[in-house]
Protein backbone atom coordinates (compact mmCIF):
# COMPACT_ATOMS: atom_id res chain seq x y z
CA UNK A 1 0.00 0.00 0.00
CA UNK A 2 1.46 3.33 -0.99
CA UNK A 3 1.02 6.31 1.28
CA UNK A 4 0.27 9.78 0.02
CA UNK A 5 2.06 12.79 1.40
CA UNK A 6 -0.06 14.74 3.91
CA UNK A 7 0.03 17.89 1.76
CA UNK A 8 -2.06 16.03 -0.85
CA UNK A 9 -4.54 14.42 1.54
CA UNK A 10 -5.44 17.47 3.64
CA UNK A 11 -6.61 19.69 0.74
CA UNK A 12 -8.66 16.80 -0.61
CA UNK A 13 -10.35 16.24 2.75
CA UNK A 14 -10.98 19.96 3.15
CA UNK A 15 -12.58 20.21 -0.29
CA UNK A 16 -14.82 17.24 0.49
CA UNK A 17 -15.87 18.73 3.83
CA UNK A 18 -16.64 22.14 2.29
CA UNK A 19 -18.73 20.64 -0.50
CA UNK A 20 -20.75 18.72 2.09
CA UNK A 21 -21.47 21.98 3.94
CA UNK A 22 -22.71 23.80 0.83
CA UNK A 23 -26.48 24.17 0.98
CA UNK A 24 -28.57 22.67 -1.78
CA UNK A 25 -30.54 25.26 -3.75
CA UNK A 26 -34.11 25.86 -2.60
CA UNK A 27 -36.72 25.93 -5.33
CA UNK A 28 -39.98 27.87 -5.01
CA UNK A 29 -42.91 27.88 -7.41
CA UNK A 30 -43.45 31.51 -8.34
CA UNK A 31 -46.15 31.19 -10.99
CA UNK A 32 -48.90 28.56 -11.00
CA UNK A 33 -51.38 28.03 -13.84
CA UNK A 34 -55.00 27.99 -12.79
CA UNK A 35 -54.54 30.39 -9.88
CA UNK A 36 -55.52 34.01 -9.38
CA UNK A 37 -57.89 33.98 -12.35
CA UNK A 38 -55.33 32.91 -14.97
CA UNK A 39 -55.77 29.66 -16.89
CA UNK A 40 -52.12 29.57 -17.92
CA UNK A 41 -48.86 31.38 -17.41
CA UNK A 42 -46.67 32.04 -20.43
CA UNK A 43 -43.23 33.44 -21.17
CA UNK A 44 -41.76 33.57 -17.65
CA UNK A 45 -38.59 35.61 -17.19
CA UNK A 46 -36.14 36.37 -14.39
CA UNK A 47 -33.77 39.33 -14.31
CA UNK A 48 -31.12 40.36 -11.82
CA UNK A 49 -30.48 44.10 -11.56
CA UNK A 50 -27.07 45.70 -11.02
CA UNK A 51 -28.10 46.25 -7.40
CA UNK A 52 -28.71 42.51 -7.00
CA UNK A 53 -32.51 42.61 -6.92
CA UNK A 54 -34.26 39.69 -8.61
CA UNK A 55 -37.28 40.48 -10.78
CA UNK A 56 -39.55 37.63 -11.90
CA UNK A 57 -42.48 38.17 -14.22
CA UNK A 58 -44.71 36.31 -16.65
CA UNK A 59 -47.72 36.77 -18.85
CA UNK A 60 -51.02 35.56 -17.37
CA UNK A 61 -53.49 34.17 -19.91
CA UNK A 62 -57.23 34.14 -19.12
CA UNK A 63 -57.96 31.26 -21.54
CA UNK A 64 -55.65 28.32 -22.34
CA UNK A 65 -56.06 29.13 -26.07
CA UNK A 66 -54.74 32.71 -25.67
PDB file of N, CA and C in Angstrom:
ATOM      1  N   UNK A   1       0.846  -1.182   0.000  1.00  0.00           N
ATOM      2  CA  UNK A   1       0.000   0.000   0.000  1.00  0.00           C
ATOM      3  C   UNK A   1       0.886   1.237   0.000  1.00  0.00           C
ATOM      4  N   UNK A   2       0.658   2.112  -0.938  1.00  0.00           N
ATOM      5  CA  UNK A   2       1.465   3.326  -0.989  1.00  0.00           C
ATOM      6  C   UNK A   2       0.790   4.400  -0.151  1.00  0.00           C
ATOM      7  N   UNK A   3       1.580   5.219   0.471  1.00  0.00           N
ATOM      8  CA  UNK A   3       1.022   6.305   1.280  1.00  0.00           C
ATOM      9  C   UNK A   3       1.205   7.620   0.541  1.00  0.00           C
ATOM     10  N   UNK A   4       0.216   8.458   0.655  1.00  0.00           N
ATOM     11  CA  UNK A   4       0.274   9.777   0.023  1.00  0.00           C
ATOM     12  C   UNK A   4       0.863  10.765   1.015  1.00  0.00           C
ATOM     13  N   UNK A   5       1.574  11.735   0.511  1.00  0.00           N
ATOM     14  CA  UNK A   5       2.062  12.790   1.400  1.00  0.00           C
ATOM     15  C   UNK A   5       0.885  13.571   1.988  1.00  0.00           C
ATOM     16  N   UNK A   6       1.014  14.029   3.207  1.00  0.00           N
ATOM     17  CA  UNK A   6      -0.056  14.743   3.910  1.00  0.00           C
ATOM     18  C   UNK A   6      -0.502  15.998   3.163  1.00  0.00           C
ATOM     19  N   UNK A   7       0.403  16.662   2.463  1.00  0.00           N
ATOM     20  CA  UNK A   7       0.033  17.891   1.762  1.00  0.00           C
ATOM     21  C   UNK A   7      -0.926  17.621   0.606  1.00  0.00           C
ATOM     22  N   UNK A   8      -1.076  16.362   0.179  1.00  0.00           N
ATOM     23  CA  UNK A   8      -2.057  16.028  -0.845  1.00  0.00           C
ATOM     24  C   UNK A   8      -3.386  15.574  -0.231  1.00  0.00           C
ATOM     25  N   UNK A   9      -3.340  14.952   0.912  1.00  0.00           N
ATOM     26  CA  UNK A   9      -4.539  14.423   1.539  1.00  0.00           C
ATOM     27  C   UNK A   9      -5.364  15.530   2.193  1.00  0.00           C
ATOM     28  N   UNK A  10      -4.727  16.431   2.899  1.00  0.00           N
ATOM     29  CA  UNK A  10      -5.443  17.472   3.640  1.00  0.00           C
ATOM     30  C   UNK A  10      -6.291  18.359   2.723  1.00  0.00           C
ATOM     31  N   UNK A  11      -5.756  18.877   1.615  1.00  0.00           N
ATOM     32  CA  UNK A  11      -6.614  19.693   0.745  1.00  0.00           C
ATOM     33  C   UNK A  11      -7.800  18.901   0.191  1.00  0.00           C
ATOM     34  N   UNK A  12      -7.583  17.631  -0.098  1.00  0.00           N
ATOM     35  CA  UNK A  12      -8.663  16.799  -0.606  1.00  0.00           C
ATOM     36  C   UNK A  12      -9.758  16.624   0.444  1.00  0.00           C
ATOM     37  N   UNK A  13      -9.382  16.378   1.675  1.00  0.00           N
ATOM     38  CA  UNK A  13     -10.355  16.235   2.754  1.00  0.00           C
ATOM     39  C   UNK A  13     -11.087  17.549   3.005  1.00  0.00           C
ATOM     40  N   UNK A  14     -10.376  18.652   2.943  1.00  0.00           N
ATOM     41  CA  UNK A  14     -10.979  19.960   3.152  1.00  0.00           C
ATOM     42  C   UNK A  14     -12.001  20.260   2.059  1.00  0.00           C
ATOM     43  N   UNK A  15     -11.653  19.973   0.817  1.00  0.00           N
ATOM     44  CA  UNK A  15     -12.578  20.206  -0.291  1.00  0.00           C
ATOM     45  C   UNK A  15     -13.833  19.354  -0.139  1.00  0.00           C
ATOM     46  N   UNK A  16     -13.672  18.117   0.285  1.00  0.00           N
ATOM     47  CA  UNK A  16     -14.818  17.238   0.490  1.00  0.00           C
ATOM     48  C   UNK A  16     -15.707  17.764   1.606  1.00  0.00           C
ATOM     49  N   UNK A  17     -15.105  18.207   2.696  1.00  0.00           N
ATOM     50  CA  UNK A  17     -15.873  18.730   3.829  1.00  0.00           C
ATOM     51  C   UNK A  17     -16.625  20.001   3.436  1.00  0.00           C
ATOM     52  N   UNK A  18     -15.986  20.885   2.702  1.00  0.00           N
ATOM     53  CA  UNK A  18     -16.636  22.140   2.293  1.00  0.00           C
ATOM     54  C   UNK A  18     -17.791  21.883   1.340  1.00  0.00           C
ATOM     55  N   UNK A  19     -17.637  20.932   0.435  1.00  0.00           N
ATOM     56  CA  UNK A  19     -18.730  20.644  -0.497  1.00  0.00           C
ATOM     57  C   UNK A  19     -19.916  20.032   0.235  1.00  0.00           C
ATOM     58  N   UNK A  20     -19.664  19.293   1.304  1.00  0.00           N
ATOM     59  CA  UNK A  20     -20.755  18.721   2.088  1.00  0.00           C
ATOM     60  C   UNK A  20     -21.517  19.804   2.852  1.00  0.00           C
ATOM     61  N   UNK A  21     -20.840  20.895   3.201  1.00  0.00           N
ATOM     62  CA  UNK A  21     -21.472  21.982   3.944  1.00  0.00           C
ATOM     63  C   UNK A  21     -22.288  22.915   3.050  1.00  0.00           C
ATOM     64  N   UNK A  22     -22.001  22.908   1.754  1.00  0.00           N
ATOM     65  CA  UNK A  22     -22.714  23.799   0.831  1.00  0.00           C
ATOM     66  C   UNK A  22     -24.193  23.423   0.812  1.00  0.00           C
ATOM     67  N   UNK A  23     -25.037  24.412   0.952  1.00  0.00           N
ATOM     68  CA  UNK A  23     -26.482  24.175   0.980  1.00  0.00           C
ATOM     69  C   UNK A  23     -26.995  23.879  -0.421  1.00  0.00           C
ATOM     70  N   UNK A  24     -27.920  22.964  -0.503  1.00  0.00           N
ATOM     71  CA  UNK A  24     -28.575  22.670  -1.777  1.00  0.00           C
ATOM     72  C   UNK A  24     -29.496  23.840  -2.119  1.00  0.00           C
ATOM     73  N   UNK A  25     -29.660  24.143  -3.397  1.00  0.00           N
ATOM     74  CA  UNK A  25     -30.540  25.256  -3.755  1.00  0.00           C
ATOM     75  C   UNK A  25     -31.984  24.964  -3.348  1.00  0.00           C
ATOM     76  N   UNK A  26     -32.700  25.989  -2.979  1.00  0.00           N
ATOM     77  CA  UNK A  26     -34.105  25.857  -2.603  1.00  0.00           C
ATOM     78  C   UNK A  26     -34.954  26.371  -3.758  1.00  0.00           C
ATOM     79  N   UNK A  27     -35.877  25.558  -4.219  1.00  0.00           N
ATOM     80  CA  UNK A  27     -36.723  25.927  -5.335  1.00  0.00           C
ATOM     81  C   UNK A  27     -38.106  26.313  -4.821  1.00  0.00           C
ATOM     82  N   UNK A  28     -38.666  27.380  -5.397  1.00  0.00           N
ATOM     83  CA  UNK A  28     -39.981  27.866  -5.012  1.00  0.00           C
ATOM     84  C   UNK A  28     -40.793  28.110  -6.275  1.00  0.00           C
ATOM     85  N   UNK A  29     -42.020  27.611  -6.281  1.00  0.00           N
ATOM     86  CA  UNK A  29     -42.910  27.875  -7.411  1.00  0.00           C
ATOM     87  C   UNK A  29     -43.397  29.312  -7.345  1.00  0.00           C
ATOM     88  N   UNK A  30     -43.075  30.095  -8.342  1.00  0.00           N
ATOM     89  CA  UNK A  30     -43.451  31.511  -8.344  1.00  0.00           C
ATOM     90  C   UNK A  30     -44.769  31.721  -9.070  1.00  0.00           C
ATOM     91  N   UNK A  31     -44.942  31.042 -10.180  1.00  0.00           N
ATOM     92  CA  UNK A  31     -46.147  31.194 -10.987  1.00  0.00           C
ATOM     93  C   UNK A  31     -46.828  29.836 -11.113  1.00  0.00           C
ATOM     94  N   UNK A  32     -48.148  29.804 -10.887  1.00  0.00           N
ATOM     95  CA  UNK A  32     -48.899  28.555 -10.999  1.00  0.00           C
ATOM     96  C   UNK A  32     -50.110  28.757 -11.899  1.00  0.00           C
ATOM     97  N   UNK A  33     -50.208  27.965 -12.949  1.00  0.00           N
ATOM     98  CA  UNK A  33     -51.375  28.029 -13.838  1.00  0.00           C
ATOM     99  C   UNK A  33     -52.623  27.661 -13.060  1.00  0.00           C
ATOM    100  N   UNK A  34     -53.730  28.291 -13.424  1.00  0.00           N
ATOM    101  CA  UNK A  34     -55.002  27.986 -12.790  1.00  0.00           C
ATOM    102  C   UNK A  34     -55.225  28.698 -11.468  1.00  0.00           C
ATOM    103  N   UNK A  35     -54.364  29.633 -11.123  1.00  0.00           N
ATOM    104  CA  UNK A  35     -54.539  30.388  -9.879  1.00  0.00           C
ATOM    105  C   UNK A  35     -54.725  31.866 -10.191  1.00  0.00           C
ATOM    106  N   UNK A  36     -55.321  32.562  -9.284  1.00  0.00           N
ATOM    107  CA  UNK A  36     -55.516  34.015  -9.376  1.00  0.00           C
ATOM    108  C   UNK A  36     -56.199  34.456 -10.665  1.00  0.00           C
ATOM    109  N   UNK A  37     -57.102  33.610 -11.185  1.00  0.00           N
ATOM    110  CA  UNK A  37     -57.889  33.978 -12.353  1.00  0.00           C
ATOM    111  C   UNK A  37     -57.225  33.738 -13.696  1.00  0.00           C
ATOM    112  N   UNK A  38     -56.040  33.158 -13.713  1.00  0.00           N
ATOM    113  CA  UNK A  38     -55.334  32.911 -14.969  1.00  0.00           C
ATOM    114  C   UNK A  38     -55.301  31.417 -15.272  1.00  0.00           C
ATOM    115  N   UNK A  39     -55.748  31.068 -16.488  1.00  0.00           N
ATOM    116  CA  UNK A  39     -55.771  29.665 -16.892  1.00  0.00           C
ATOM    117  C   UNK A  39     -54.363  29.140 -17.143  1.00  0.00           C
ATOM    118  N   UNK A  40     -53.502  29.993 -17.654  1.00  0.00           N
ATOM    119  CA  UNK A  40     -52.123  29.573 -17.925  1.00  0.00           C
ATOM    120  C   UNK A  40     -51.164  30.741 -17.752  1.00  0.00           C
ATOM    121  N   UNK A  41     -49.942  30.398 -17.542  1.00  0.00           N
ATOM    122  CA  UNK A  41     -48.863  31.382 -17.407  1.00  0.00           C
ATOM    123  C   UNK A  41     -47.895  31.135 -18.556  1.00  0.00           C
ATOM    124  N   UNK A  42     -47.548  32.187 -19.267  1.00  0.00           N
ATOM    125  CA  UNK A  42     -46.665  32.039 -20.425  1.00  0.00           C
ATOM    126  C   UNK A  42     -45.478  32.985 -20.326  1.00  0.00           C
ATOM    127  N   UNK A  43     -44.423  32.627 -20.989  1.00  0.00           N
ATOM    128  CA  UNK A  43     -43.226  33.443 -21.173  1.00  0.00           C
ATOM    129  C   UNK A  43     -42.668  33.975 -19.843  1.00  0.00           C
ATOM    130  N   UNK A  44     -42.350  33.089 -18.901  1.00  0.00           N
ATOM    131  CA  UNK A  44     -41.756  33.569 -17.649  1.00  0.00           C
ATOM    132  C   UNK A  44     -40.339  34.091 -17.883  1.00  0.00           C
ATOM    133  N   UNK A  45     -39.936  35.045 -17.084  1.00  0.00           N
ATOM    134  CA  UNK A  45     -38.590  35.609 -17.187  1.00  0.00           C
ATOM    135  C   UNK A  45     -38.092  36.000 -15.805  1.00  0.00           C
ATOM    136  N   UNK A  46     -36.779  35.947 -15.643  1.00  0.00           N
ATOM    137  CA  UNK A  46     -36.145  36.366 -14.393  1.00  0.00           C
ATOM    138  C   UNK A  46     -34.967  37.252 -14.756  1.00  0.00           C
ATOM    139  N   UNK A  47     -34.870  38.391 -14.103  1.00  0.00           N
ATOM    140  CA  UNK A  47     -33.770  39.331 -14.313  1.00  0.00           C
ATOM    141  C   UNK A  47     -33.120  39.653 -12.975  1.00  0.00           C
ATOM    142  N   UNK A  48     -31.833  39.897 -13.003  1.00  0.00           N
ATOM    143  CA  UNK A  48     -31.119  40.361 -11.817  1.00  0.00           C
ATOM    144  C   UNK A  48     -30.572  41.744 -12.135  1.00  0.00           C
ATOM    145  N   UNK A  49     -30.930  42.731 -11.318  1.00  0.00           N
ATOM    146  CA  UNK A  49     -30.479  44.102 -11.556  1.00  0.00           C
ATOM    147  C   UNK A  49     -29.024  44.274 -11.100  1.00  0.00           C
ATOM    148  N   UNK A  50     -28.436  45.395 -11.463  1.00  0.00           N
ATOM    149  CA  UNK A  50     -27.067  45.697 -11.024  1.00  0.00           C
ATOM    150  C   UNK A  50     -26.970  45.777  -9.508  1.00  0.00           C
ATOM    151  N   UNK A  51     -28.072  46.148  -8.860  1.00  0.00           N
ATOM    152  CA  UNK A  51     -28.099  46.249  -7.401  1.00  0.00           C
ATOM    153  C   UNK A  51     -28.289  44.887  -6.730  1.00  0.00           C
ATOM    154  N   UNK A  52     -28.545  43.848  -7.548  1.00  0.00           N
ATOM    155  CA  UNK A  52     -28.708  42.509  -7.004  1.00  0.00           C
ATOM    156  C   UNK A  52     -30.150  42.100  -6.745  1.00  0.00           C
ATOM    157  N   UNK A  53     -31.094  42.968  -7.080  1.00  0.00           N
ATOM    158  CA  UNK A  53     -32.507  42.612  -6.923  1.00  0.00           C
ATOM    159  C   UNK A  53     -32.908  41.616  -8.000  1.00  0.00           C
ATOM    160  N   UNK A  54     -33.776  40.681  -7.653  1.00  0.00           N
ATOM    161  CA  UNK A  54     -34.264  39.689  -8.606  1.00  0.00           C
ATOM    162  C   UNK A  54     -35.698  40.047  -8.969  1.00  0.00           C
ATOM    163  N   UNK A  55     -35.946  40.177 -10.277  1.00  0.00           N
ATOM    164  CA  UNK A  55     -37.283  40.484 -10.783  1.00  0.00           C
ATOM    165  C   UNK A  55     -37.783  39.277 -11.563  1.00  0.00           C
ATOM    166  N   UNK A  56     -38.939  38.754 -11.188  1.00  0.00           N
ATOM    167  CA  UNK A  56     -39.549  37.628 -11.902  1.00  0.00           C
ATOM    168  C   UNK A  56     -40.905  38.077 -12.407  1.00  0.00           C
ATOM    169  N   UNK A  57     -41.187  37.810 -13.675  1.00  0.00           N
ATOM    170  CA  UNK A  57     -42.483  38.174 -14.220  1.00  0.00           C
ATOM    171  C   UNK A  57     -42.874  37.199 -15.313  1.00  0.00           C
ATOM    172  N   UNK A  58     -44.172  37.185 -15.618  1.00  0.00           N
ATOM    173  CA  UNK A  58     -44.709  36.310 -16.653  1.00  0.00           C
ATOM    174  C   UNK A  58     -46.013  36.893 -17.164  1.00  0.00           C
ATOM    175  N   UNK A  59     -46.480  36.321 -18.233  1.00  0.00           N
ATOM    176  CA  UNK A  59     -47.724  36.765 -18.854  1.00  0.00           C
ATOM    177  C   UNK A  59     -48.842  35.828 -18.403  1.00  0.00           C
ATOM    178  N   UNK A  60     -49.876  36.373 -17.772  1.00  0.00           N
ATOM    179  CA  UNK A  60     -51.024  35.556 -17.372  1.00  0.00           C
ATOM    180  C   UNK A  60     -52.059  35.517 -18.462  1.00  0.00           C
ATOM    181  N   UNK A  61     -52.495  34.319 -18.846  1.00  0.00           N
ATOM    182  CA  UNK A  61     -53.491  34.166 -19.908  1.00  0.00           C
ATOM    183  C   UNK A  61     -54.820  33.747 -19.290  1.00  0.00           C
ATOM    184  N   UNK A  62     -55.914  34.450 -19.670  1.00  0.00           N
ATOM    185  CA  UNK A  62     -57.229  34.136 -19.118  1.00  0.00           C
ATOM    186  C   UNK A  62     -57.787  32.828 -19.653  1.00  0.00           C
ATOM    187  N   UNK A  63     -57.497  32.507 -20.916  1.00  0.00           N
ATOM    188  CA  UNK A  63     -57.958  31.263 -21.540  1.00  0.00           C
ATOM    189  C   UNK A  63     -56.743  30.455 -21.979  1.00  0.00           C
ATOM    190  N   UNK A  64     -56.795  29.127 -21.899  1.00  0.00           N
ATOM    191  CA  UNK A  64     -55.648  28.318 -22.337  1.00  0.00           C
ATOM    192  C   UNK A  64     -55.295  28.533 -23.807  1.00  0.00           C
ATOM    193  N   UNK A  65     -56.293  28.945 -24.640  1.00  0.00           N
ATOM    194  CA  UNK A  65     -56.057  29.135 -26.074  1.00  0.00           C
ATOM    195  C   UNK A  65     -55.351  30.457 -26.363  1.00  0.00           C
ATOM    196  N   UNK A  66     -55.330  31.381 -25.447  1.00  0.00           N
ATOM    197  CA  UNK A  66     -54.738  32.706 -25.674  1.00  0.00           C
ATOM    198  C   UNK A  66     -53.257  32.605 -25.970  1.00  0.00           C
TER     199      UNK A  66
END
